[in-house]
Amino acid sequence: MGKKFPLNPKFPERICWGCDRYCPTGDMACGNGSGRTQHPSEVLGEDWYLVGDWGMEESEGKPAAEDIGP
């Protein structure tokens, strides 16, 4: 199982969310370097996990959101 996916990270623009690596935007390990994958909260808003069937509960992502930083 991969890392827990943070629901609302503090600085989502600093990370690529395309895989479980969560690479810094300046050092992406996967893909072709054409651009980073945005976090769903950047596209759909802070309540993105409540819209649709993501299979996530609110308590699932909170600890991981604090672990990811600059």
PDB file of N, CA and C in Angstrom:
ATOM      1  N   MET A   1       0.840  -1.171   0.000  1.00  0.00           N
ATOM      2  CA  MET A   1       0.000   0.000   0.000  1.00  0.00           C
ATOM      3  C   MET A   1       0.892   1.244   0.000  1.00  0.00           C
ATOM      4  N   GLY A   2       0.502   2.241  -0.722  1.00  0.00           N
ATOM      5  CA  GLY A   2       1.270   3.476  -0.816  1.00  0.00           C
ATOM      6  C   GLY A   2       1.070   4.368   0.392  1.00  0.00           C
ATOM      7  N   LYS A   3       1.671   5.522   0.317  1.00  0.00           N
ATOM      8  CA  LYS A   3       1.542   6.498   1.401  1.00  0.00           C
ATOM      9  C   LYS A   3       0.096   6.979   1.500  1.00  0.00           C
ATOM     10  N   LYS A   4      -0.288   7.435   2.695  1.00  0.00           N
ATOM     11  CA  LYS A   4      -1.620   8.031   2.846  1.00  0.00           C
ATOM     12  C   LYS A   4      -1.639   9.340   2.085  1.00  0.00           C
ATOM     13  N   PHE A   5      -2.706   9.575   1.372  1.00  0.00           N
ATOM     14  CA  PHE A   5      -2.829  10.772   0.550  1.00  0.00           C
ATOM     15  C   PHE A   5      -3.379  11.909   1.395  1.00  0.00           C
ATOM     16  N   PRO A   6      -2.639  13.014   1.539  1.00  0.00           N
ATOM     17  CA  PRO A   6      -3.119  14.134   2.357  1.00  0.00           C
ATOM     18  C   PRO A   6      -4.321  14.821   1.730  1.00  0.00           C
ATOM     19  N   LEU A   7      -5.305  15.145   2.547  1.00  0.00           N
ATOM     20  CA  LEU A   7      -6.519  15.772   2.030  1.00  0.00           C
ATOM     21  C   LEU A   7      -6.304  17.231   1.668  1.00  0.00           C
ATOM     22  N   ASN A   8      -5.667  17.986   2.529  1.00  0.00           N
ATOM     23  CA  ASN A   8      -5.421  19.402   2.275  1.00  0.00           C
ATOM     24  C   ASN A   8      -4.019  19.789   2.752  1.00  0.00           C
ATOM     25  N   PRO A   9      -2.995  19.513   1.948  1.00  0.00           N
ATOM     26  CA  PRO A   9      -1.633  19.854   2.355  1.00  0.00           C
ATOM     27  C   PRO A   9      -1.433  21.364   2.419  1.00  0.00           C
ATOM     28  N   LYS A  10      -0.459  21.807   3.215  1.00  0.00           N
ATOM     29  CA  LYS A  10      -0.225  23.238   3.402  1.00  0.00           C
ATOM     30  C   LYS A  10       0.226  23.927   2.116  1.00  0.00           C
ATOM     31  N   PHE A  11       1.145  23.330   1.393  1.00  0.00           N
ATOM     32  CA  PHE A  11       1.691  23.932   0.174  1.00  0.00           C
ATOM     33  C   PHE A  11       1.623  22.936  -0.978  1.00  0.00           C
ATOM     34  N   PRO A  12       0.436  22.671  -1.520  1.00  0.00           N
ATOM     35  CA  PRO A  12       0.322  21.650  -2.572  1.00  0.00           C
ATOM     36  C   PRO A  12       1.090  22.010  -3.846  1.00  0.00           C
ATOM     37  N   GLU A  13       1.351  23.294  -4.061  1.00  0.00           N
ATOM     38  CA  GLU A  13       2.034  23.725  -5.279  1.00  0.00           C
ATOM     39  C   GLU A  13       3.522  23.355  -5.279  1.00  0.00           C
ATOM     40  N   ARG A  14       4.045  22.933  -4.143  1.00  0.00           N
ATOM     41  CA  ARG A  14       5.459  22.572  -4.044  1.00  0.00           C
ATOM     42  C   ARG A  14       5.731  21.112  -4.375  1.00  0.00           C
ATOM     43  N   ILE A  15       4.677  20.323  -4.563  1.00  0.00           N
ATOM     44  CA  ILE A  15       4.795  18.878  -4.727  1.00  0.00           C
ATOM     45  C   ILE A  15       4.083  18.430  -6.003  1.00  0.00           C
ATOM     46  N   CYS A  16       4.635  17.394  -6.643  1.00  0.00           N
ATOM     47  CA  CYS A  16       3.934  16.735  -7.745  1.00  0.00           C
ATOM     48  C   CYS A  16       3.164  15.565  -7.148  1.00  0.00           C
ATOM     49  N   TRP A  17       1.879  15.468  -7.441  1.00  0.00           N
ATOM     50  CA  TRP A  17       1.012  14.457  -6.846  1.00  0.00           C
ATOM     51  C   TRP A  17       0.717  13.317  -7.805  1.00  0.00           C
ATOM     52  N   GLY A  18       1.569  13.097  -8.806  1.00  0.00           N
ATOM     53  CA  GLY A  18       1.318  12.098  -9.843  1.00  0.00           C
ATOM     54  C   GLY A  18       1.510  10.655  -9.422  1.00  0.00           C
ATOM     55  N   CYS A  19       2.241  10.409  -8.335  1.00  0.00           N
ATOM     56  CA  CYS A  19       2.463   9.034  -7.868  1.00  0.00           C
ATOM     57  C   CYS A  19       2.717   9.067  -6.359  1.00  0.00           C
ATOM     58  N   ASP A  20       3.126   7.954  -5.795  1.00  0.00           N
ATOM     59  CA  ASP A  20       3.368   7.870  -4.351  1.00  0.00           C
ATOM     60  C   ASP A  20       4.695   8.480  -3.925  1.00  0.00           C
ATOM     61  N   ARG A  21       5.481   8.991  -4.844  1.00  0.00           N
ATOM     62  CA  ARG A  21       6.778   9.569  -4.491  1.00  0.00           C
ATOM     63  C   ARG A  21       6.639  10.989  -3.944  1.00  0.00           C
ATOM     64  N   TYR A  22       5.632  11.736  -4.377  1.00  0.00           N
ATOM     65  CA  TYR A  22       5.413  13.118  -3.941  1.00  0.00           C
ATOM     66  C   TYR A  22       6.686  13.946  -4.079  1.00  0.00           C
ATOM     67  N   CYS A  23       7.235  13.989  -5.262  1.00  0.00           N
ATOM     68  CA  CYS A  23       8.502  14.679  -5.520  1.00  0.00           C
ATOM     69  C   CYS A  23       8.346  16.197  -5.467  1.00  0.00           C
ATOM     70  N   PRO A  24       9.415  16.909  -5.081  1.00  0.00           N
ATOM     71  CA  PRO A  24       9.405  18.366  -5.174  1.00  0.00           C
ATOM     72  C   PRO A  24       9.268  18.774  -6.640  1.00  0.00           C
ATOM     73  N   THR A  25       8.654  19.891  -6.904  1.00  0.00           N
ATOM     74  CA  THR A  25       8.392  20.292  -8.289  1.00  0.00           C
ATOM     75  C   THR A  25       9.661  20.481  -9.104  1.00  0.00           C
ATOM     76  N   GLY A  26      10.771  20.802  -8.460  1.00  0.00           N
ATOM     77  CA  GLY A  26      12.022  20.993  -9.184  1.00  0.00           C
ATOM     78  C   GLY A  26      12.822  19.728  -9.379  1.00  0.00           C
ATOM     79  N   ASP A  27      12.356  18.593  -8.865  1.00  0.00           N
ATOM     80  CA  ASP A  27      13.130  17.356  -8.930  1.00  0.00           C
ATOM     81  C   ASP A  27      12.204  16.155  -9.075  1.00  0.00           C
ATOM     82  N   MET A  28      11.388  16.137 -10.125  1.00  0.00           N
ATOM     83  CA  MET A  28      10.442  15.047 -10.313  1.00  0.00           C
ATOM     84  C   MET A  28      11.141  13.812 -10.871  1.00  0.00           C
ATOM     85  N   ALA A  29      10.903  12.672 -10.252  1.00  0.00           N
ATOM     86  CA  ALA A  29      11.565  11.430 -10.628  1.00  0.00           C
ATOM     87  C   ALA A  29      10.815  10.659 -11.712  1.00  0.00           C
ATOM     88  N   CYS A  30       9.527  10.834 -11.815  1.00  0.00           N
ATOM     89  CA  CYS A  30       8.775  10.107 -12.839  1.00  0.00           C
ATOM     90  C   CYS A  30       8.248  11.092 -13.887  1.00  0.00           C
ATOM     91  N   GLY A  31       7.701  10.596 -14.935  1.00  0.00           N
ATOM     92  CA  GLY A  31       7.179  11.464 -15.991  1.00  0.00           C
ATOM     93  C   GLY A  31       8.288  12.033 -16.835  1.00  0.00           C
ATOM     94  N   ASN A  32       7.920  12.899 -17.737  1.00  0.00           N
ATOM     95  CA  ASN A  32       8.906  13.453 -18.665  1.00  0.00           C
ATOM     96  C   ASN A  32       9.318  14.873 -18.319  1.00  0.00           C
ATOM     97  N   GLY A  33       8.939  15.344 -17.159  1.00  0.00           N
ATOM     98  CA  GLY A  33       9.330  16.670 -16.740  1.00  0.00           C
ATOM     99  C   GLY A  33       8.539  17.792 -17.371  1.00  0.00           C
ATOM    100  N   SER A  34       7.450  17.453 -18.047  1.00  0.00           N
ATOM    101  CA  SER A  34       6.668  18.481 -18.726  1.00  0.00           C
ATOM    102  C   SER A  34       5.854  19.332 -17.761  1.00  0.00           C
ATOM    103  N   GLY A  35       5.597  18.835 -16.589  1.00  0.00           N
ATOM    104  CA  GLY A  35       4.832  19.596 -15.605  1.00  0.00           C
ATOM    105  C   GLY A  35       4.395  18.698 -14.476  1.00  0.00           C
ATOM    106  N   ARG A  36       4.023  19.303 -13.384  1.00  0.00           N
ATOM    107  CA  ARG A  36       3.622  18.515 -12.222  1.00  0.00           C
ATOM    108  C   ARG A  36       2.128  18.225 -12.249  1.00  0.00           C
ATOM    109  N   THR A  37       1.735  17.179 -11.542  1.00  0.00           N
ATOM    110  CA  THR A  37       0.327  16.850 -11.375  1.00  0.00           C
ATOM    111  C   THR A  37      -0.195  17.619 -10.173  1.00  0.00           C
ATOM    112  N   GLN A  38      -1.273  18.359 -10.356  1.00  0.00           N
ATOM    113  CA  GLN A  38      -1.836  19.157  -9.269  1.00  0.00           C
ATOM    114  C   GLN A  38      -2.563  18.279  -8.264  1.00  0.00           C
ATOM    115  N   HIS A  39      -2.589  18.752  -7.024  1.00  0.00           N
ATOM    116  CA  HIS A  39      -3.360  18.092  -5.972  1.00  0.00           C
ATOM    117  C   HIS A  39      -4.837  18.372  -6.245  1.00  0.00           C
ATOM    118  N   PRO A  40      -5.726  17.424  -5.979  1.00  0.00           N
ATOM    119  CA  PRO A  40      -7.161  17.655  -6.214  1.00  0.00           C
ATOM    120  C   PRO A  40      -7.714  18.899  -5.528  1.00  0.00           C
ATOM    121  N   SER A  41      -7.160  19.286  -4.388  1.00  0.00           N
ATOM    122  CA  SER A  41      -7.654  20.486  -3.709  1.00  0.00           C
ATOM    123  C   SER A  41      -7.369  21.748  -4.516  1.00  0.00           C
ATOM    124  N   GLU A  42      -6.329  21.727  -5.343  1.00  0.00           N
ATOM    125  CA  GLU A  42      -6.022  22.878  -6.192  1.00  0.00           C
ATOM    126  C   GLU A  42      -7.025  23.011  -7.325  1.00  0.00           C
ATOM    127  N   VAL A  43      -7.560  21.904  -7.758  1.00  0.00           N
ATOM    128  CA  VAL A  43      -8.473  21.887  -8.901  1.00  0.00           C
ATOM    129  C   VAL A  43      -9.931  21.942  -8.459  1.00  0.00           C
ATOM    130  N   LEU A  44     -10.279  21.159  -7.438  1.00  0.00           N
ATOM    131  CA  LEU A  44     -11.672  21.000  -7.040  1.00  0.00           C
ATOM    132  C   LEU A  44     -12.061  21.721  -5.758  1.00  0.00           C
ATOM    133  N   GLY A  45     -11.104  22.305  -5.044  1.00  0.00           N
ATOM    134  CA  GLY A  45     -11.392  22.994  -3.787  1.00  0.00           C
ATOM    135  C   GLY A  45     -11.064  22.135  -2.586  1.00  0.00           C
ATOM    136  N   GLU A  46     -11.107  22.754  -1.406  1.00  0.00           N
ATOM    137  CA  GLU A  46     -10.698  22.073  -0.184  1.00  0.00           C
ATOM    138  C   GLU A  46     -11.582  20.887   0.201  1.00  0.00           C
ATOM    139  N   ASP A  47     -12.818  20.867  -0.260  1.00  0.00           N
ATOM    140  CA  ASP A  47     -13.705  19.751   0.065  1.00  0.00           C
ATOM    141  C   ASP A  47     -13.755  18.724  -1.064  1.00  0.00           C
ATOM    142  N   TRP A  48     -12.679  18.596  -1.821  1.00  0.00           N
ATOM    143  CA  TRP A  48     -12.631  17.711  -2.986  1.00  0.00           C
ATOM    144  C   TRP A  48     -12.960  16.264  -2.651  1.00  0.00           C
ATOM    145  N   TYR A  49     -12.562  15.786  -1.464  1.00  0.00           N
ATOM    146  CA  TYR A  49     -12.774  14.385  -1.090  1.00  0.00           C
ATOM    147  C   TYR A  49     -14.229  14.089  -0.747  1.00  0.00           C
ATOM    148  N   LEU A  50     -15.028  15.141  -0.541  1.00  0.00           N
ATOM    149  CA  LEU A  50     -16.446  14.957  -0.257  1.00  0.00           C
ATOM    150  C   LEU A  50     -17.276  14.877  -1.536  1.00  0.00           C
ATOM    151  N   VAL A  51     -16.706  15.367  -2.636  1.00  0.00           N
ATOM    152  CA  VAL A  51     -17.390  15.375  -3.921  1.00  0.00           C
ATOM    153  C   VAL A  51     -16.980  14.119  -4.686  1.00  0.00           C
ATOM    154  N   GLY A  52     -17.913  13.264  -4.978  1.00  0.00           N
ATOM    155  CA  GLY A  52     -17.604  12.039  -5.700  1.00  0.00           C
ATOM    156  C   GLY A  52     -17.230  10.911  -4.757  1.00  0.00           C
ATOM    157  N   ASP A  53     -16.893   9.783  -5.330  1.00  0.00           N
ATOM    158  CA  ASP A  53     -16.573   8.597  -4.550  1.00  0.00           C
ATOM    159  C   ASP A  53     -15.074   8.329  -4.618  1.00  0.00           C
ATOM    160  N   TRP A  54     -14.312   8.968  -3.744  1.00  0.00           N
ATOM    161  CA  TRP A  54     -12.861   8.809  -3.716  1.00  0.00           C
ATOM    162  C   TRP A  54     -12.456   7.661  -2.800  1.00  0.00           C
ATOM    163  N   GLY A  55     -13.369   7.172  -1.976  1.00  0.00           N
ATOM    164  CA  GLY A  55     -13.049   6.095  -1.063  1.00  0.00           C
ATOM    165  C   GLY A  55     -12.171   6.538   0.090  1.00  0.00           C
ATOM    166  N   MET A  56     -12.250   7.811   0.456  1.00  0.00           N
ATOM    167  CA  MET A  56     -11.430   8.346   1.544  1.00  0.00           C
ATOM    168  C   MET A  56     -12.333   8.932   2.615  1.00  0.00           C
ATOM    169  N   GLU A  57     -11.872   8.841   3.846  1.00  0.00           N
ATOM    170  CA  GLU A  57     -12.579   9.482   4.945  1.00  0.00           C
ATOM    171  C   GLU A  57     -11.743  10.643   5.443  1.00  0.00           C
ATOM    172  N   GLU A  58     -12.364  11.591   6.078  1.00  0.00           N
ATOM    173  CA  GLU A  58     -11.676  12.810   6.496  1.00  0.00           C
ATOM    174  C   GLU A  58     -10.466  12.536   7.380  1.00  0.00           C
ATOM    175  N   SER A  59     -10.535  11.546   8.235  1.00  0.00           N
ATOM    176  CA  SER A  59      -9.429  11.273   9.157  1.00  0.00           C
ATOM    177  C   SER A  59      -8.243  10.597   8.476  1.00  0.00           C
ATOM    178  N   GLU A  60      -8.408  10.052   7.287  1.00  0.00           N
ATOM    179  CA  GLU A  60      -7.339   9.313   6.618  1.00  0.00           C
ATOM    180  C   GLU A  60      -6.143  10.171   6.267  1.00  0.00           C
ATOM    181  N   GLY A  61      -6.345  11.373   5.752  1.00  0.00           N
ATOM    182  CA  GLY A  61      -5.239  12.146   5.226  1.00  0.00           C
ATOM    183  C   GLY A  61      -4.652  13.187   6.144  1.00  0.00           C
ATOM    184  N   LYS A  62      -5.254  13.458   7.268  1.00  0.00           N
ATOM    185  CA  LYS A  62      -4.778  14.561   8.108  1.00  0.00           C
ATOM    186  C   LYS A  62      -3.352  14.393   8.626  1.00  0.00           C
ATOM    187  N   PRO A  63      -2.926  13.249   9.164  1.00  0.00           N
ATOM    188  CA  PRO A  63      -1.545  13.161   9.635  1.00  0.00           C
ATOM    189  C   PRO A  63      -0.530  13.340   8.519  1.00  0.00           C
ATOM    190  N   ALA A  64      -0.782  12.791   7.350  1.00  0.00           N
ATOM    191  CA  ALA A  64       0.166  12.888   6.245  1.00  0.00           C
ATOM    192  C   ALA A  64       0.288  14.316   5.727  1.00  0.00           C
ATOM    193  N   ALA A  65      -0.763  15.109   5.847  1.00  0.00           N
ATOM    194  CA  ALA A  65      -0.720  16.485   5.349  1.00  0.00           C
ATOM    195  C   ALA A  65       0.303  17.308   6.107  1.00  0.00           C
ATOM    196  N   GLU A  66       0.498  17.029   7.372  1.00  0.00           N
ATOM    197  CA  GLU A  66       1.469  17.782   8.170  1.00  0.00           C
ATOM    198  C   GLU A  66       2.888  17.293   7.919  1.00  0.00           C
ATOM    199  N   ASP A  67       3.048  16.055   7.451  1.00  0.00           N
ATOM    200  CA  ASP A  67       4.367  15.499   7.213  1.00  0.00           C
ATOM    201  C   ASP A  67       5.011  16.069   5.949  1.00  0.00           C
ATOM    202  N   ILE A  68       4.214  16.457   4.980  1.00  0.00           N
ATOM    203  CA  ILE A  68       4.740  16.945   3.721  1.00  0.00           C
ATOM    204  C   ILE A  68       4.925  18.453   3.817  1.00  0.00           C
ATOM    205  N   GLY A  69       6.105  18.889   3.570  1.00  0.00           N
ATOM    206  CA  GLY A  69       6.394  20.315   3.688  1.00  0.00           C
ATOM    207  C   GLY A  69       7.403  20.740   2.645  1.00  0.00           C
ATOM    208  N   PRO A  70       8.047  21.862   2.850  1.00  0.00           N
ATOM    209  CA  PRO A  70       8.977  22.406   1.863  1.00  0.00           C
ATOM    210  C   PRO A  70      10.129  21.519   1.525  1.00  0.00           C
TER     211      PRO A  70
END
